[in-house]
Amino acid sequence: MIAQTPPMGWNSWDCYGAAVDEPTVRQNAAYMAEHLQVFGWEYVVVDIQWYQPTATSHAYEPFAELTMDEYGRLQPAPGRFPSSAGGKGFKPLADYVHSLGLKFGIHIMRGMPRMAAHRHLPILGCGKGCHEVANPNSICAWNPDMYGLRCDMPEARAYYDSIFRMYAEWGVDFVKCDDIAREYPHCKREIEVISDACRACERDIVLSLSPGPAPLEQAEHLKKYANMWRITDDFWDEWRLLKGMFERAEKWCVHAAPGHWPDADMLPVGALRQCYDQNGWTNFTQAEQRTMMTLWCMMRSPLMIGGELTKNDDFTLKLLTNRDVLAIEKTSACAHPLWTTEDESVWIAPRRDGKGLYVALFNLSEETRTVRVTGEMLEGTYSAASELWTGGKQQMTDGLTATLEKHDAAVFWVE
């Protein structure tokens, strides 16, 4: 079974939008292998529009020419991914990532390129053409490249089988499928067909669904057909979005378990929006970044770094390599908030080995605040606590206390 713990890696979207190229992917993979892999980071994910030769930013170019094969399957644009030339696809790049001991991922949009339908290209392995299976009434509202498929037709499964077999041949380990997680109910069957094709391709591929917010009432369906799914629209480096995540995390945390993970989206840390400004940097304060990492780990969200890794400063690298905080993702269970108010939040997560629990204290207010939780509230007998960001110790004589600057967090392992 794949995704036994929340997947951890890097995704190109936050820093390069639709414009990432092969040299950039390779340099981030090399950095991850050297500095992050030993801490559990392993996926290198190429986000959207890798098949568009003219992509230059986060903006989409309606009806741009896309790189396809003769069966209407999108291919990497050779001008941006030179190793794909000659029909090699992403295999050479995936081979390089694998040679570093890492895993390789790609972004896809649901459906098939509308260009494939308009050109009446054949679907590999069946007698139908793309135009017969495409649904021209099913178009993404923000990127018109694709048509959804008529998933009541078996040939829709044949098309998805053909692309996932190709991804397996390339060596893809992770697929982020977009324009689908929040598109219930009309994309419900398409999720099932995509999931079935992914599982039938004879390679272990993590299936991630975007964008959010995925509907909470579809949690059981998502858990059955996906390994992770977005619970929010694109998450950026704004405090209002981070504060709003506490409500989403509370609703979804009960559904986190091996094989299926509610996804709070990428971590916008370090160097961001590089396609606009080479000096672009996260707007989050250091305190807000600690709060984000603490909440993501407590709720056991997948962790995907959004920044250009090679520009990490000391703070960002330390944020991403705190073994004790990252261990929460793999050693805890049943995380939930004790309370969340306008000004503060307190979360707990028992350790699966029975050796105490994790307790996170958050200051959500606009001023320095002391957050306190009593031993009685923790419903157990504990003698000592270690704060995982600072290494500080507390005796558990009367609960836990942390005086935090605005938007900051502390997280303890109590025994």
Protein backbone atom coordinates (compact mmCIF):
# COMPACT_ATOMS: atom_id res chain seq x y z
CA MET A 1 0.00 0.00 0.00
CA ILE A 2 1.39 3.39 -0.98
CA ALA A 3 1.39 6.69 0.96
CA GLN A 4 1.51 4.96 4.33
CA THR A 5 2.67 8.30 5.73
CA PRO A 6 1.92 11.75 4.30
CA PRO A 7 3.99 12.33 1.13
CA MET A 8 6.79 14.91 1.44
CA GLY A 9 8.50 16.69 -1.41
CA TRP A 10 8.88 19.75 -3.63
CA ASN A 11 6.50 21.15 -6.25
CA SER A 12 7.44 23.75 -8.86
CA TRP A 13 4.20 25.80 -8.86
CA ASP A 14 4.80 28.39 -6.14
CA CYS A 15 8.12 29.51 -7.55
CA TYR A 16 7.75 28.94 -11.31
CA GLY A 17 4.05 28.61 -12.10
CA ALA A 18 3.60 27.07 -15.53
CA ALA A 19 7.14 27.96 -16.64
CA VAL A 20 9.44 25.46 -14.90
CA ASP A 21 12.12 23.84 -17.07
CA GLU A 22 14.38 20.81 -16.86
CA PRO A 23 17.55 22.51 -15.52
CA THR A 24 15.49 24.01 -12.69
CA VAL A 25 13.93 20.65 -11.81
CA ARG A 26 17.34 18.99 -11.82
CA GLN A 27 18.91 21.62 -9.56
CA ASN A 28 16.09 21.33 -7.04
CA ALA A 29 16.29 17.53 -7.12
CA ALA A 30 20.04 17.68 -6.50
CA TYR A 31 19.51 20.05 -3.56
CA MET A 32 16.85 17.79 -2.08
CA ALA A 33 19.11 14.77 -2.35
CA GLU A 34 21.97 16.58 -0.63
CA HIS A 35 20.15 18.52 2.09
CA LEU A 36 16.62 17.17 2.63
CA GLN A 37 16.33 13.51 1.70
CA VAL A 38 17.62 12.20 5.02
CA PHE A 39 14.77 14.07 6.73
CA GLY A 40 12.09 12.28 4.69
CA TRP A 41 11.68 14.60 1.69
CA GLU A 42 11.53 12.51 -1.48
CA TYR A 43 9.10 13.66 -4.21
CA VAL A 44 10.14 16.08 -6.99
CA VAL A 45 6.97 17.23 -8.78
CA VAL A 46 6.76 19.13 -12.08
CA ASP A 47 3.58 21.19 -11.98
CA ILE A 48 1.26 22.39 -14.73
CA GLN A 49 1.84 23.13 -18.45
CA TRP A 50 5.02 21.11 -18.93
CA TYR A 51 3.62 20.35 -22.40
CA GLN A 52 3.26 24.02 -23.44
CA PRO A 53 6.33 25.40 -25.27
CA THR A 54 5.39 29.05 -24.67
CA ALA A 55 4.58 29.07 -20.93
CA THR A 56 6.40 31.88 -19.08
CA SER A 57 4.62 32.56 -15.76
CA HIS A 58 1.72 31.60 -13.48
CA ALA A 59 -0.70 32.85 -16.16
CA TYR A 60 -2.38 30.50 -18.63
CA GLU A 61 -2.38 31.11 -22.37
CA PRO A 62 -5.80 30.12 -23.73
CA PHE A 63 -5.69 27.79 -26.73
CA ALA A 64 -1.90 27.63 -26.80
CA GLU A 65 -0.31 24.96 -28.98
CA LEU A 66 0.45 21.91 -26.85
CA THR A 67 2.96 19.10 -27.36
CA MET A 68 1.18 15.78 -27.99
CA ASP A 69 1.85 12.37 -29.49
CA GLU A 70 -0.22 10.76 -32.22
CA TYR A 71 -2.71 9.42 -29.65
CA GLY A 72 -3.55 12.76 -28.08
CA ARG A 73 -1.32 12.20 -25.03
CA LEU A 74 0.52 15.25 -23.75
CA GLN A 75 4.32 15.18 -23.94
CA PRO A 76 6.99 17.40 -22.34
CA ALA A 77 7.86 20.42 -24.49
CA PRO A 78 11.41 19.64 -25.73
CA GLY A 79 12.42 23.30 -25.67
CA ARG A 80 11.88 23.31 -21.91
CA PHE A 81 12.74 19.66 -21.21
CA PRO A 82 15.52 18.82 -23.68
CA SER A 83 15.97 15.22 -22.53
CA SER A 84 12.41 14.45 -23.72
CA ALA A 85 13.33 15.01 -27.37
CA GLY A 86 12.81 12.13 -29.74
CA GLY A 87 9.71 10.83 -28.00
CA LYS A 88 11.49 9.92 -24.76
CA GLY A 89 8.94 11.75 -22.59
CA PHE A 90 9.86 12.27 -18.97
CA LYS A 91 11.79 9.01 -18.67
CA PRO A 92 15.29 10.58 -18.80
CA LEU A 93 14.38 13.18 -16.18
CA ALA A 94 12.67 10.58 -13.99
CA ASP A 95 15.73 8.35 -14.32
CA TYR A 96 17.91 11.22 -13.09
CA VAL A 97 15.64 11.87 -10.10
CA HIS A 98 15.60 8.16 -9.29
CA SER A 99 19.41 8.02 -9.52
CA LEU A 100 19.46 10.44 -6.59
CA GLY A 101 17.30 8.11 -4.53
CA LEU A 102 14.24 10.35 -4.98
CA LYS A 103 10.81 9.96 -6.61
CA PHE A 104 9.41 11.81 -9.61
CA GLY A 105 5.98 13.38 -10.03
CA ILE A 106 3.95 15.35 -12.56
CA HIS A 107 0.81 17.49 -12.70
CA ILE A 108 -2.00 16.68 -15.11
CA MET A 109 -5.38 18.19 -15.89
CA ARG A 110 -8.37 15.87 -15.98
CA GLY A 111 -9.56 14.88 -19.43
CA MET A 112 -7.81 15.08 -22.80
CA PRO A 113 -6.45 18.01 -24.81
CA ARG A 114 -9.19 19.69 -26.81
CA MET A 115 -6.64 19.81 -29.65
CA ALA A 116 -6.69 16.00 -29.70
CA ALA A 117 -10.48 16.01 -30.06
CA HIS A 118 -10.50 18.71 -32.73
CA ARG A 119 -7.92 16.78 -34.76
CA HIS A 120 -9.83 13.49 -34.40
CA LEU A 121 -6.75 11.67 -33.10
CA PRO A 122 -7.21 7.96 -32.30
CA ILE A 123 -7.23 6.62 -28.74
CA LEU A 124 -4.52 4.02 -28.24
CA GLY A 125 -5.89 0.52 -27.83
CA CYS A 126 -9.47 1.05 -28.98
CA GLY A 127 -11.44 1.85 -32.11
CA LYS A 128 -12.68 5.27 -31.03
CA GLY A 129 -11.30 8.71 -31.71
CA CYS A 130 -10.66 11.39 -29.10
CA HIS A 131 -13.53 13.47 -30.49
CA GLU A 132 -16.00 10.67 -29.70
CA VAL A 133 -15.01 10.43 -26.03
CA ALA A 134 -14.35 14.10 -25.23
CA ASN A 135 -17.14 16.08 -23.55
CA PRO A 136 -17.07 19.65 -24.93
CA ASN A 137 -19.43 20.74 -22.15
CA SER A 138 -16.89 19.80 -19.48
CA ILE A 139 -14.20 22.50 -19.53
CA CYS A 140 -12.06 23.87 -16.71
CA ALA A 141 -13.14 27.41 -15.78
CA TRP A 142 -9.57 28.69 -15.43
CA ASN A 143 -7.60 26.71 -18.01
CA PRO A 144 -9.34 25.79 -21.29
CA ASP A 145 -6.73 23.31 -22.56
CA MET A 146 -8.78 20.21 -21.88
CA TYR A 147 -12.15 18.57 -22.35
CA GLY A 148 -13.46 16.23 -19.69
CA LEU A 149 -14.35 12.73 -20.82
CA ARG A 150 -17.65 10.92 -21.27
CA CYS A 151 -16.95 8.50 -18.48
CA ASP A 152 -20.04 6.43 -19.21
CA MET A 153 -18.13 5.17 -22.26
CA PRO A 154 -15.54 2.37 -21.82
CA GLU A 155 -13.27 4.23 -24.23
CA ALA A 156 -12.80 6.93 -21.57
CA ARG A 157 -11.12 4.31 -19.41
CA ALA A 158 -9.07 3.26 -22.45
CA TYR A 159 -7.74 6.81 -22.82
CA TYR A 160 -6.85 7.09 -19.12
CA ASP A 161 -5.28 3.62 -19.25
CA SER A 162 -3.11 4.77 -22.14
CA ILE A 163 -1.78 7.83 -20.32
CA PHE A 164 -1.15 6.08 -17.01
CA ARG A 165 0.66 3.22 -18.76
CA MET A 166 2.81 5.88 -20.40
CA TYR A 167 3.48 7.54 -17.03
CA ALA A 168 4.45 4.15 -15.62
CA GLU A 169 6.86 3.63 -18.52
CA TRP A 170 8.36 7.06 -17.82
CA GLY A 171 8.88 6.13 -14.17
CA VAL A 172 6.35 8.54 -12.65
CA ASP A 173 5.75 8.00 -8.91
CA PHE A 174 3.26 10.79 -8.18
CA VAL A 175 0.41 12.31 -10.20
CA LYS A 176 -1.34 15.50 -9.17
CA CYS A 177 -4.63 15.59 -11.09
CA ASP A 178 -6.16 19.05 -11.29
CA ASP A 179 -9.61 20.53 -11.93
CA ILE A 180 -11.29 17.66 -10.15
CA ALA A 181 -11.25 17.60 -6.31
CA ARG A 182 -13.90 20.30 -5.90
CA GLU A 183 -15.87 19.35 -9.02
CA TYR A 184 -18.39 17.04 -7.37
CA PRO A 185 -20.86 15.72 -8.33
CA HIS A 186 -20.25 15.95 -12.10
CA CYS A 187 -16.65 14.67 -11.89
CA LYS A 188 -17.32 11.88 -9.41
CA ARG A 189 -17.27 9.15 -12.04
CA GLU A 190 -14.18 10.66 -13.68
CA ILE A 191 -12.34 10.42 -10.34
CA GLU A 192 -13.19 6.73 -10.20
CA VAL A 193 -12.01 6.09 -13.77
CA ILE A 194 -8.74 7.96 -13.19
CA SER A 195 -8.15 6.08 -9.95
CA ASP A 196 -8.83 2.71 -11.59
CA ALA A 197 -6.43 3.50 -14.44
CA CYS A 198 -3.77 4.64 -11.99
CA ARG A 199 -4.05 1.43 -9.97
CA ALA A 200 -4.02 -0.75 -13.08
CA CYS A 201 -0.82 0.70 -14.59
CA GLU A 202 1.48 -1.77 -12.77
CA ARG A 203 3.44 0.93 -10.96
CA ASP A 204 2.89 2.38 -7.49
CA ILE A 205 1.79 5.96 -8.17
CA VAL A 206 0.48 8.34 -5.51
CA LEU A 207 -2.74 9.96 -6.78
CA SER A 208 -3.31 13.52 -5.58
CA LEU A 209 -6.49 15.47 -6.44
CA SER A 210 -6.71 19.26 -6.76
CA PRO A 211 -7.85 21.95 -6.34
CA GLY A 212 -9.91 22.35 -3.20
CA PRO A 213 -11.90 22.75 -1.27
CA ALA A 214 -12.97 19.15 -1.72
CA PRO A 215 -16.47 18.67 -0.26
CA LEU A 216 -16.37 17.20 3.23
CA GLU A 217 -19.45 15.09 2.53
CA GLN A 218 -17.42 13.22 -0.10
CA ALA A 219 -14.69 12.20 2.35
CA GLU A 220 -15.38 8.47 2.10
CA HIS A 221 -15.37 8.58 -1.69
CA LEU A 222 -12.08 10.50 -1.71
CA LYS A 223 -10.50 8.05 0.74
CA LYS A 224 -11.50 5.16 -1.52
CA TYR A 225 -10.22 6.61 -4.79
CA ALA A 226 -7.31 8.95 -3.95
CA ASN A 227 -4.21 9.06 -1.75
CA MET A 228 -4.49 12.79 -1.03
CA TRP A 229 -6.87 15.60 -1.90
CA ARG A 230 -6.85 19.32 -1.42
CA ILE A 231 -9.02 20.82 1.31
CA THR A 232 -8.41 24.39 0.15
CA ASP A 233 -8.00 26.45 -2.98
CA ASP A 234 -4.43 27.52 -3.74
CA PHE A 235 -2.76 28.39 -0.42
CA TRP A 236 -0.41 31.37 -0.47
CA ASP A 237 1.68 33.32 2.03
CA GLU A 238 -1.11 35.37 3.58
CA TRP A 239 -1.97 35.27 7.29
CA ARG A 240 -5.74 35.29 6.64
CA LEU A 241 -5.38 32.05 4.66
CA LEU A 242 -3.25 30.44 7.34
CA LYS A 243 -5.63 31.43 10.11
CA GLY A 244 -8.55 30.11 8.06
CA MET A 245 -6.81 26.74 7.75
CA PHE A 246 -7.48 25.96 11.41
CA GLU A 247 -11.19 25.52 10.68
CA ARG A 248 -10.49 23.33 7.65
CA ALA A 249 -7.95 21.25 9.56
CA GLU A 250 -10.42 20.63 12.39
CA LYS A 251 -13.05 19.32 9.96
CA TRP A 252 -10.71 17.09 7.99
CA CYS A 253 -8.18 15.79 10.53
CA VAL A 254 -10.32 12.77 11.45
CA HIS A 255 -9.93 11.46 7.90
CA ALA A 256 -6.11 11.33 7.92
CA ALA A 257 -4.88 7.73 7.89
CA PRO A 258 -2.39 5.51 6.02
CA GLY A 259 -3.10 5.62 2.30
CA HIS A 260 -5.31 8.72 2.30
CA TRP A 261 -4.45 12.23 3.50
CA PRO A 262 -6.35 15.53 3.49
CA ASP A 263 -3.97 18.01 1.85
CA ALA A 264 -3.62 21.58 3.16
CA ASP A 265 -1.59 22.48 0.04
CA MET A 266 1.98 23.55 -0.48
CA LEU A 267 4.30 25.26 1.95
CA PRO A 268 5.01 28.77 0.55
CA VAL A 269 8.40 29.19 2.20
CA GLY A 270 11.69 30.61 0.97
CA ALA A 271 12.09 31.98 -2.56
CA LEU A 272 8.68 32.23 -4.27
CA ARG A 273 7.29 33.62 -7.57
CA GLN A 274 10.69 33.40 -9.27
CA CYS A 275 9.17 33.79 -12.74
CA TYR A 276 8.25 37.37 -11.78
CA ASP A 277 11.07 38.40 -9.47
CA GLN A 278 14.34 36.56 -8.85
CA ASN A 279 14.42 38.18 -5.40
CA GLY A 280 10.86 37.12 -4.52
CA TRP A 281 10.52 35.78 -0.98
CA THR A 282 7.74 34.49 1.23
CA ASN A 283 5.57 37.11 2.92
CA PHE A 284 5.16 34.91 5.98
CA THR A 285 7.07 35.93 9.10
CA GLN A 286 9.24 33.34 10.79
CA ALA A 287 6.56 32.98 13.47
CA GLU A 288 3.89 32.33 10.84
CA GLN A 289 6.06 29.71 9.16
CA ARG A 290 6.44 27.88 12.48
CA THR A 291 2.66 27.99 12.91
CA MET A 292 2.13 26.63 9.41
CA MET A 293 4.62 23.77 9.81
CA THR A 294 3.25 22.91 13.23
CA LEU A 295 -0.38 22.80 12.06
CA TRP A 296 0.43 20.82 8.88
CA CYS A 297 2.38 18.25 10.91
CA MET A 298 -0.22 17.99 13.67
CA MET A 299 -3.05 17.38 11.17
CA ARG A 300 -0.68 15.12 9.17
CA SER A 301 -1.09 16.94 5.89
CA PRO A 302 1.21 16.04 3.01
CA LEU A 303 4.18 18.43 2.91
CA MET A 304 5.15 19.93 -0.45
CA ILE A 305 7.73 22.71 -0.41
CA GLY A 306 6.85 25.58 -2.75
CA GLY A 307 10.08 27.62 -2.78
CA GLU A 308 13.20 27.43 -4.93
CA LEU A 309 15.28 25.10 -2.80
CA THR A 310 18.71 26.29 -3.89
CA LYS A 311 17.97 29.74 -2.43
CA ASN A 312 17.02 28.49 1.03
CA ASP A 313 18.43 30.59 3.86
CA ASP A 314 19.46 29.14 7.21
CA PHE A 315 16.04 29.69 8.76
CA THR A 316 14.18 27.96 5.91
CA LEU A 317 16.53 24.98 5.92
CA LYS A 318 16.19 24.58 9.69
CA LEU A 319 12.40 24.89 9.39
CA LEU A 320 12.33 22.01 6.90
CA THR A 321 14.81 19.77 8.71
CA ASN A 322 13.57 19.73 12.29
CA ARG A 323 13.47 15.97 12.84
CA ASP A 324 11.35 16.18 15.97
CA VAL A 325 8.61 18.28 14.34
CA LEU A 326 8.60 16.22 11.14
CA ALA A 327 8.34 13.05 13.23
CA ILE A 328 4.83 14.08 14.27
CA GLU A 329 3.70 13.14 10.75
CA LYS A 330 4.88 9.54 11.16
CA THR A 331 4.47 8.85 14.88
CA SER A 332 1.14 10.42 15.83
CA ALA A 333 -2.51 9.51 15.36
CA CYS A 334 -5.96 10.93 16.02
CA ALA A 335 -4.88 14.58 16.10
CA HIS A 336 -7.59 17.07 17.00
CA PRO A 337 -8.01 20.52 18.54
CA LEU A 338 -9.02 20.89 22.17
CA TRP A 339 -10.26 24.34 21.26
CA THR A 340 -9.86 27.11 18.71
CA THR A 341 -10.94 30.69 19.34
CA GLU A 342 -10.32 33.94 17.53
CA ASP A 343 -7.12 34.38 19.52
CA GLU A 344 -5.65 30.92 20.15
CA SER A 345 -5.80 27.23 19.40
CA VAL A 346 -4.61 24.11 21.22
CA TRP A 347 -4.16 20.77 19.43
CA ILE A 348 -3.18 17.35 20.75
CA ALA A 349 -2.04 14.18 18.99
CA PRO A 350 -1.27 10.95 20.88
CA ARG A 351 1.85 9.05 19.86
CA ARG A 352 1.10 5.70 18.28
CA ASP A 353 3.76 3.99 20.41
CA GLY A 354 1.98 5.08 23.59
CA LYS A 355 4.91 7.27 24.71
CA GLY A 356 2.95 10.39 25.58
CA LEU A 357 1.45 12.86 23.17
CA TYR A 358 2.17 15.98 21.15
CA VAL A 359 0.61 19.26 22.25
CA ALA A 360 0.63 22.35 20.02
CA LEU A 361 -0.15 25.85 21.30
CA PHE A 362 -0.96 28.56 18.75
CA ASN A 363 -1.26 32.32 19.19
CA LEU A 364 -3.69 33.50 16.52
CA SER A 365 -4.01 37.01 17.92
CA GLU A 366 -2.35 40.27 16.90
CA GLU A 367 -0.28 40.66 20.06
CA THR A 368 1.98 38.63 22.33
CA ARG A 369 -0.12 36.13 24.25
CA THR A 370 0.36 33.40 26.85
CA VAL A 371 -1.39 30.18 25.86
CA ARG A 372 -1.95 27.61 28.57
CA VAL A 373 -3.39 24.10 28.80
CA THR A 374 -3.83 22.30 32.12
CA GLY A 375 -2.87 18.73 32.84
CA GLU A 376 -6.52 17.94 33.46
CA MET A 377 -7.35 19.06 29.93
CA LEU A 378 -4.76 16.62 28.58
CA GLU A 379 -6.53 13.73 30.32
CA GLY A 380 -3.39 11.97 31.46
CA THR A 381 -0.52 12.01 33.92
CA TYR A 382 2.61 13.55 32.47
CA SER A 383 5.79 14.69 34.19
CA ALA A 384 7.90 16.48 31.56
CA ALA A 385 7.60 18.28 28.24
CA SER A 386 10.11 19.07 25.50
CA GLU A 387 9.43 21.96 23.11
CA LEU A 388 10.35 20.73 19.63
CA TRP A 389 11.28 24.01 17.95
CA THR A 390 13.59 25.32 20.67
CA GLY A 391 14.53 22.22 22.65
CA GLY A 392 13.29 23.88 25.83
CA LYS A 393 12.09 21.76 28.76
CA GLN A 394 9.14 22.17 31.12
CA GLN A 395 8.08 20.24 34.19
CA MET A 396 4.42 19.22 33.98
CA THR A 397 3.44 20.39 37.45
CA ASP A 398 0.35 22.25 36.27
CA GLY A 399 0.04 21.77 32.53
CA LEU A 400 1.84 23.61 29.74
CA THR A 401 2.38 27.31 29.17
CA ALA A 402 3.92 29.20 26.26
CA THR A 403 4.26 32.95 25.82
CA LEU A 404 4.16 33.48 22.07
CA GLU A 405 4.56 36.48 19.81
CA LYS A 406 1.67 37.13 17.46
CA HIS A 407 0.98 34.33 14.97
CA ASP A 408 3.58 32.03 16.57
CA ALA A 409 3.37 28.45 17.79
CA ALA A 410 5.01 26.03 20.19
CA VAL A 411 4.75 22.26 20.03
CA PHE A 412 5.64 19.87 22.86
CA TRP A 413 6.22 16.19 23.31
CA VAL A 414 4.86 15.43 26.76
CA GLU A 415 5.59 12.21 28.64
